[in-house]
């Protein structure tokens, strides 16, 4: 996952792990206060995580 500013410059990159699925991701991130909440729904090890929207660090992560 990557974050870009309005000029197209990359702000940060976060590695969420290997994605294992027959079809691609249809993730729609949700911004809540200072977090970006993402789902990683796949064939193995699905999870929901919240990343700090300014740094990209994982604030919390839970199995789905």
PDB file of N, CA and C in Angstrom:
ATOM      1  N   UNK A   1       0.853  -1.157   0.000  1.00  0.00           N
ATOM      2  CA  UNK A   1       0.000   0.000   0.000  1.00  0.00           C
ATOM      3  C   UNK A   1       0.905   1.229   0.000  1.00  0.00           C
ATOM      4  N   UNK A   2       0.477   2.264  -0.743  1.00  0.00           N
ATOM      5  CA  UNK A   2       1.274   3.484  -0.843  1.00  0.00           C
ATOM      6  C   UNK A   2       0.395   4.715  -0.666  1.00  0.00           C
ATOM      7  N   UNK A   3       0.994   5.781  -0.169  1.00  0.00           N
ATOM      8  CA  UNK A   3       0.312   7.063  -0.029  1.00  0.00           C
ATOM      9  C   UNK A   3       1.068   8.100  -0.852  1.00  0.00           C
ATOM     10  N   UNK A   4       0.296   8.926  -1.577  1.00  0.00           N
ATOM     11  CA  UNK A   4       0.877   9.973  -2.412  1.00  0.00           C
ATOM     12  C   UNK A   4       0.282  11.324  -2.043  1.00  0.00           C
ATOM     13  N   UNK A   5       1.059  12.387  -2.200  1.00  0.00           N
ATOM     14  CA  UNK A   5       0.526  13.726  -1.977  1.00  0.00           C
ATOM     15  C   UNK A   5      -0.184  14.195  -3.251  1.00  0.00           C
ATOM     16  N   UNK A   6      -0.771  15.381  -3.225  1.00  0.00           N
ATOM     17  CA  UNK A   6      -1.545  15.873  -4.357  1.00  0.00           C
ATOM     18  C   UNK A   6      -0.693  16.198  -5.586  1.00  0.00           C
ATOM     19  N   UNK A   7       0.620  16.284  -5.415  1.00  0.00           N
ATOM     20  CA  UNK A   7       1.525  16.518  -6.546  1.00  0.00           C
ATOM     21  C   UNK A   7       2.010  15.206  -7.161  1.00  0.00           C
ATOM     22  N   UNK A   8       1.610  14.088  -6.574  1.00  0.00           N
ATOM     23  CA  UNK A   8       2.023  12.783  -7.103  1.00  0.00           C
ATOM     24  C   UNK A   8       3.269  12.216  -6.449  1.00  0.00           C
ATOM     25  N   UNK A   9       3.812  12.903  -5.461  1.00  0.00           N
ATOM     26  CA  UNK A   9       4.996  12.415  -4.762  1.00  0.00           C
ATOM     27  C   UNK A   9       4.619  11.379  -3.705  1.00  0.00           C
ATOM     28  N   UNK A  10       5.381  10.307  -3.663  1.00  0.00           N
ATOM     29  CA  UNK A  10       5.100   9.252  -2.679  1.00  0.00           C
ATOM     30  C   UNK A  10       5.468   9.718  -1.280  1.00  0.00           C
ATOM     31  N   UNK A  11       4.526   9.533  -0.331  1.00  0.00           N
ATOM     32  CA  UNK A  11       4.768   9.914   1.056  1.00  0.00           C
ATOM     33  C   UNK A  11       5.289   8.737   1.874  1.00  0.00           C
ATOM     34  N   UNK A  12       4.681   7.564   1.690  1.00  0.00           N
ATOM     35  CA  UNK A  12       5.119   6.377   2.420  1.00  0.00           C
ATOM     36  C   UNK A  12       4.643   5.125   1.698  1.00  0.00           C
ATOM     37  N   UNK A  13       5.232   3.995   2.073  1.00  0.00           N
ATOM     38  CA  UNK A  13       4.855   2.689   1.536  1.00  0.00           C
ATOM     39  C   UNK A  13       4.789   1.706   2.699  1.00  0.00           C
ATOM     40  N   UNK A  14       3.722   0.898   2.748  1.00  0.00           N
ATOM     41  CA  UNK A  14       3.552  -0.100   3.809  1.00  0.00           C
ATOM     42  C   UNK A  14       3.384  -1.477   3.169  1.00  0.00           C
ATOM     43  N   UNK A  15       4.155  -2.430   3.628  1.00  0.00           N
ATOM     44  CA  UNK A  15       4.072  -3.810   3.141  1.00  0.00           C
ATOM     45  C   UNK A  15       3.054  -4.554   4.005  1.00  0.00           C
ATOM     46  N   UNK A  16       1.981  -5.046   3.375  1.00  0.00           N
ATOM     47  CA  UNK A  16       0.938  -5.757   4.107  1.00  0.00           C
ATOM     48  C   UNK A  16       1.059  -7.276   3.976  1.00  0.00           C
ATOM     49  N   UNK A  17       2.101  -7.745   3.325  1.00  0.00           N
ATOM     50  CA  UNK A  17       2.314  -9.180   3.182  1.00  0.00           C
ATOM     51  C   UNK A  17       1.868  -9.695   1.825  1.00  0.00           C
ATOM     52  N   UNK A  18       2.166 -10.959   1.592  1.00  0.00           N
ATOM     53  CA  UNK A  18       1.839 -11.605   0.330  1.00  0.00           C
ATOM     54  C   UNK A  18       0.321 -11.760   0.188  1.00  0.00           C
ATOM     55  N   UNK A  19      -0.186 -11.495  -1.013  1.00  0.00           N
ATOM     56  CA  UNK A  19      -1.613 -11.618  -1.291  1.00  0.00           C
ATOM     57  C   UNK A  19      -1.845 -12.907  -2.065  1.00  0.00           C
ATOM     58  N   UNK A  20      -2.634 -13.831  -1.496  1.00  0.00           N
ATOM     59  CA  UNK A  20      -2.886 -15.130  -2.106  1.00  0.00           C
ATOM     60  C   UNK A  20      -4.379 -15.266  -2.389  1.00  0.00           C
ATOM     61  N   UNK A  21      -4.757 -15.150  -3.676  1.00  0.00           N
ATOM     62  CA  UNK A  21      -6.160 -15.275  -4.062  1.00  0.00           C
ATOM     63  C   UNK A  21      -6.259 -15.495  -5.567  1.00  0.00           C
ATOM     64  N   UNK A  22      -7.343 -16.100  -5.984  1.00  0.00           N
ATOM     65  CA  UNK A  22      -7.589 -16.322  -7.404  1.00  0.00           C
ATOM     66  C   UNK A  22      -7.862 -15.008  -8.116  1.00  0.00           C
ATOM     67  N   UNK A  23      -8.608 -14.145  -7.466  1.00  0.00           N
ATOM     68  CA  UNK A  23      -8.961 -12.847  -8.041  1.00  0.00           C
ATOM     69  C   UNK A  23      -8.204 -11.749  -7.300  1.00  0.00           C
ATOM     70  N   UNK A  24      -8.136 -10.573  -7.875  1.00  0.00           N
ATOM     71  CA  UNK A  24      -7.428  -9.465  -7.251  1.00  0.00           C
ATOM     72  C   UNK A  24      -8.184  -8.888  -6.069  1.00  0.00           C
ATOM     73  N   UNK A  25      -7.541  -7.980  -5.410  1.00  0.00           N
ATOM     74  CA  UNK A  25      -8.129  -7.309  -4.252  1.00  0.00           C
ATOM     75  C   UNK A  25      -9.182  -6.300  -4.711  1.00  0.00           C
ATOM     76  N   UNK A  26     -10.248  -6.183  -3.954  1.00  0.00           N
ATOM     77  CA  UNK A  26     -11.280  -5.177  -4.224  1.00  0.00           C
ATOM     78  C   UNK A  26     -11.423  -4.292  -2.986  1.00  0.00           C
ATOM     79  N   UNK A  27     -10.316  -3.979  -2.398  1.00  0.00           N
ATOM     80  CA  UNK A  27     -10.259  -3.227  -1.157  1.00  0.00           C
ATOM     81  C   UNK A  27     -10.625  -1.763  -1.369  1.00  0.00           C
ATOM     82  N   UNK A  28     -11.447  -1.236  -0.486  1.00  0.00           N
ATOM     83  CA  UNK A  28     -11.763   0.195  -0.450  1.00  0.00           C
ATOM     84  C   UNK A  28     -11.366   0.717   0.925  1.00  0.00           C
ATOM     85  N   UNK A  29     -10.185   1.328   1.040  1.00  0.00           N
ATOM     86  CA  UNK A  29      -9.741   1.832   2.346  1.00  0.00           C
ATOM     87  C   UNK A  29     -10.715   2.869   2.906  1.00  0.00           C
ATOM     88  N   UNK A  30     -10.801   2.905   4.223  1.00  0.00           N
ATOM     89  CA  UNK A  30     -11.661   3.858   4.923  1.00  0.00           C
ATOM     90  C   UNK A  30     -10.780   4.745   5.795  1.00  0.00           C
ATOM     91  N   UNK A  31     -10.959   6.056   5.696  1.00  0.00           N
ATOM     92  CA  UNK A  31     -10.224   6.976   6.551  1.00  0.00           C
ATOM     93  C   UNK A  31     -11.113   7.322   7.737  1.00  0.00           C
ATOM     94  N   UNK A  32     -10.578   7.107   8.940  1.00  0.00           N
ATOM     95  CA  UNK A  32     -11.279   7.439  10.180  1.00  0.00           C
ATOM     96  C   UNK A  32     -10.297   8.148  11.096  1.00  0.00           C
ATOM     97  N   UNK A  33     -10.564   9.411  11.363  1.00  0.00           N
ATOM     98  CA  UNK A  33      -9.679  10.254  12.179  1.00  0.00           C
ATOM     99  C   UNK A  33      -8.260  10.186  11.624  1.00  0.00           C
ATOM    100  N   UNK A  34      -7.280   9.647  12.354  1.00  0.00           N
ATOM    101  CA  UNK A  34      -5.899   9.617  11.870  1.00  0.00           C
ATOM    102  C   UNK A  34      -5.494   8.240  11.356  1.00  0.00           C
ATOM    103  N   UNK A  35      -6.487   7.401  11.003  1.00  0.00           N
ATOM    104  CA  UNK A  35      -6.228   6.032  10.558  1.00  0.00           C
ATOM    105  C   UNK A  35      -6.736   5.771   9.145  1.00  0.00           C
ATOM    106  N   UNK A  36      -6.077   4.848   8.465  1.00  0.00           N
ATOM    107  CA  UNK A  36      -6.579   4.275   7.224  1.00  0.00           C
ATOM    108  C   UNK A  36      -6.865   2.814   7.538  1.00  0.00           C
ATOM    109  N   UNK A  37      -8.122   2.424   7.443  1.00  0.00           N
ATOM    110  CA  UNK A  37      -8.525   1.059   7.765  1.00  0.00           C
ATOM    111  C   UNK A  37      -8.661   0.288   6.463  1.00  0.00           C
ATOM    112  N   UNK A  38      -7.964  -0.844   6.382  1.00  0.00           N
ATOM    113  CA  UNK A  38      -7.955  -1.661   5.167  1.00  0.00           C
ATOM    114  C   UNK A  38      -8.297  -3.109   5.500  1.00  0.00           C
ATOM    115  N   UNK A  39      -8.938  -3.762   4.562  1.00  0.00           N
ATOM    116  CA  UNK A  39      -9.157  -5.196   4.686  1.00  0.00           C
ATOM    117  C   UNK A  39      -8.230  -5.898   3.708  1.00  0.00           C
ATOM    118  N   UNK A  40      -7.752  -7.051   4.098  1.00  0.00           N
ATOM    119  CA  UNK A  40      -6.934  -7.882   3.222  1.00  0.00           C
ATOM    120  C   UNK A  40      -7.617  -9.243   3.199  1.00  0.00           C
ATOM    121  N   UNK A  41      -8.685  -9.328   2.409  1.00  0.00           N
ATOM    122  CA  UNK A  41      -9.510 -10.528   2.332  1.00  0.00           C
ATOM    123  C   UNK A  41      -8.979 -11.407   1.218  1.00  0.00           C
ATOM    124  N   UNK A  42      -8.459 -12.579   1.575  1.00  0.00           N
ATOM    125  CA  UNK A  42      -7.819 -13.459   0.607  1.00  0.00           C
ATOM    126  C   UNK A  42      -8.021 -14.916   0.995  1.00  0.00           C
ATOM    127  N   UNK A  43      -7.389 -15.819   0.261  1.00  0.00           N
ATOM    128  CA  UNK A  43      -7.548 -17.252   0.518  1.00  0.00           C
ATOM    129  C   UNK A  43      -6.844 -17.713   1.794  1.00  0.00           C
ATOM    130  N   UNK A  44      -5.806 -17.027   2.198  1.00  0.00           N
ATOM    131  CA  UNK A  44      -5.058 -17.383   3.404  1.00  0.00           C
ATOM    132  C   UNK A  44      -4.769 -16.131   4.230  1.00  0.00           C
ATOM    133  N   UNK A  45      -4.860 -16.261   5.530  1.00  0.00           N
ATOM    134  CA  UNK A  45      -4.461 -15.211   6.472  1.00  0.00           C
ATOM    135  C   UNK A  45      -5.082 -13.851   6.203  1.00  0.00           C
ATOM    136  N   UNK A  46      -6.401 -13.814   6.047  1.00  0.00           N
ATOM    137  CA  UNK A  46      -7.102 -12.541   5.875  1.00  0.00           C
ATOM    138  C   UNK A  46      -7.037 -11.727   7.163  1.00  0.00           C
ATOM    139  N   UNK A  47      -7.054 -10.410   7.032  1.00  0.00           N
ATOM    140  CA  UNK A  47      -7.022  -9.552   8.212  1.00  0.00           C
ATOM    141  C   UNK A  47      -7.604  -8.188   7.908  1.00  0.00           C
ATOM    142  N   UNK A  48      -7.872  -7.442   8.966  1.00  0.00           N
ATOM    143  CA  UNK A  48      -8.242  -6.036   8.886  1.00  0.00           C
ATOM    144  C   UNK A  48      -7.170  -5.286   9.675  1.00  0.00           C
ATOM    145  N   UNK A  49      -6.694  -4.173   9.125  1.00  0.00           N
ATOM    146  CA  UNK A  49      -5.629  -3.418   9.794  1.00  0.00           C
ATOM    147  C   UNK A  49      -5.928  -1.923   9.724  1.00  0.00           C
ATOM    148  N   UNK A  50      -5.382  -1.205  10.689  1.00  0.00           N
ATOM    149  CA  UNK A  50      -5.454   0.251  10.703  1.00  0.00           C
ATOM    150  C   UNK A  50      -4.036   0.797  10.646  1.00  0.00           C
ATOM    151  N   UNK A  51      -3.791   1.652   9.658  1.00  0.00           N
ATOM    152  CA  UNK A  51      -2.481   2.263   9.490  1.00  0.00           C
ATOM    153  C   UNK A  51      -2.555   3.743   9.832  1.00  0.00           C
ATOM    154  N   UNK A  52      -1.473   4.258  10.395  1.00  0.00           N
ATOM    155  CA  UNK A  52      -1.354   5.688  10.653  1.00  0.00           C
ATOM    156  C   UNK A  52      -1.338   6.404   9.301  1.00  0.00           C
ATOM    157  N   UNK A  53      -2.233   7.356   9.084  1.00  0.00           N
ATOM    158  CA  UNK A  53      -2.348   7.950   7.750  1.00  0.00           C
ATOM    159  C   UNK A  53      -1.181   8.864   7.380  1.00  0.00           C
ATOM    160  N   UNK A  54      -0.374   9.300   8.335  1.00  0.00           N
ATOM    161  CA  UNK A  54       0.763  10.157   7.995  1.00  0.00           C
ATOM    162  C   UNK A  54       2.070   9.391   7.855  1.00  0.00           C
ATOM    163  N   UNK A  55       2.173   8.216   8.506  1.00  0.00           N
ATOM    164  CA  UNK A  55       3.430   7.454   8.495  1.00  0.00           C
ATOM    165  C   UNK A  55       3.322   6.105   7.802  1.00  0.00           C
ATOM    166  N   UNK A  56       2.108   5.531   7.743  1.00  0.00           N
ATOM    167  CA  UNK A  56       1.929   4.218   7.139  1.00  0.00           C
ATOM    168  C   UNK A  56       2.235   3.061   8.071  1.00  0.00           C
ATOM    169  N   UNK A  57       2.511   3.347   9.319  1.00  0.00           N
ATOM    170  CA  UNK A  57       2.796   2.277  10.274  1.00  0.00           C
ATOM    171  C   UNK A  57       1.498   1.615  10.728  1.00  0.00           C
ATOM    172  N   UNK A  58       1.562   0.307  10.985  1.00  0.00           N
ATOM    173  CA  UNK A  58       0.390  -0.436  11.425  1.00  0.00           C
ATOM    174  C   UNK A  58       0.126  -0.107  12.886  1.00  0.00           C
ATOM    175  N   UNK A  59      -1.059   0.422  13.177  1.00  0.00           N
ATOM    176  CA  UNK A  59      -1.438   0.753  14.556  1.00  0.00           C
ATOM    177  C   UNK A  59      -2.112  -0.438  15.236  1.00  0.00           C
ATOM    178  N   UNK A  60      -2.931  -1.178  14.440  1.00  0.00           N
ATOM    179  CA  UNK A  60      -3.492  -2.426  14.941  1.00  0.00           C
ATOM    180  C   UNK A  60      -3.840  -3.311  13.761  1.00  0.00           C
ATOM    181  N   UNK A  61      -3.901  -4.621  14.047  1.00  0.00           N
ATOM    182  CA  UNK A  61      -4.186  -5.614  13.020  1.00  0.00           C
ATOM    183  C   UNK A  61      -4.887  -6.792  13.695  1.00  0.00           C
ATOM    184  N   UNK A  62      -5.959  -7.297  13.065  1.00  0.00           N
ATOM    185  CA  UNK A  62      -6.696  -8.416  13.645  1.00  0.00           C
ATOM    186  C   UNK A  62      -7.071  -9.411  12.561  1.00  0.00           C
ATOM    187  N   UNK A  63      -7.022 -10.704  12.864  1.00  0.00           N
ATOM    188  CA  UNK A  63      -7.436 -11.701  11.859  1.00  0.00           C
ATOM    189  C   UNK A  63      -8.900 -11.515  11.489  1.00  0.00           C
ATOM    190  N   UNK A  64      -9.219 -11.839  10.267  1.00  0.00           N
ATOM    191  CA  UNK A  64     -10.608 -11.707   9.798  1.00  0.00           C
ATOM    192  C   UNK A  64     -11.309 -13.039   9.901  1.00  0.00           C
TER     193      UNK A  64
END
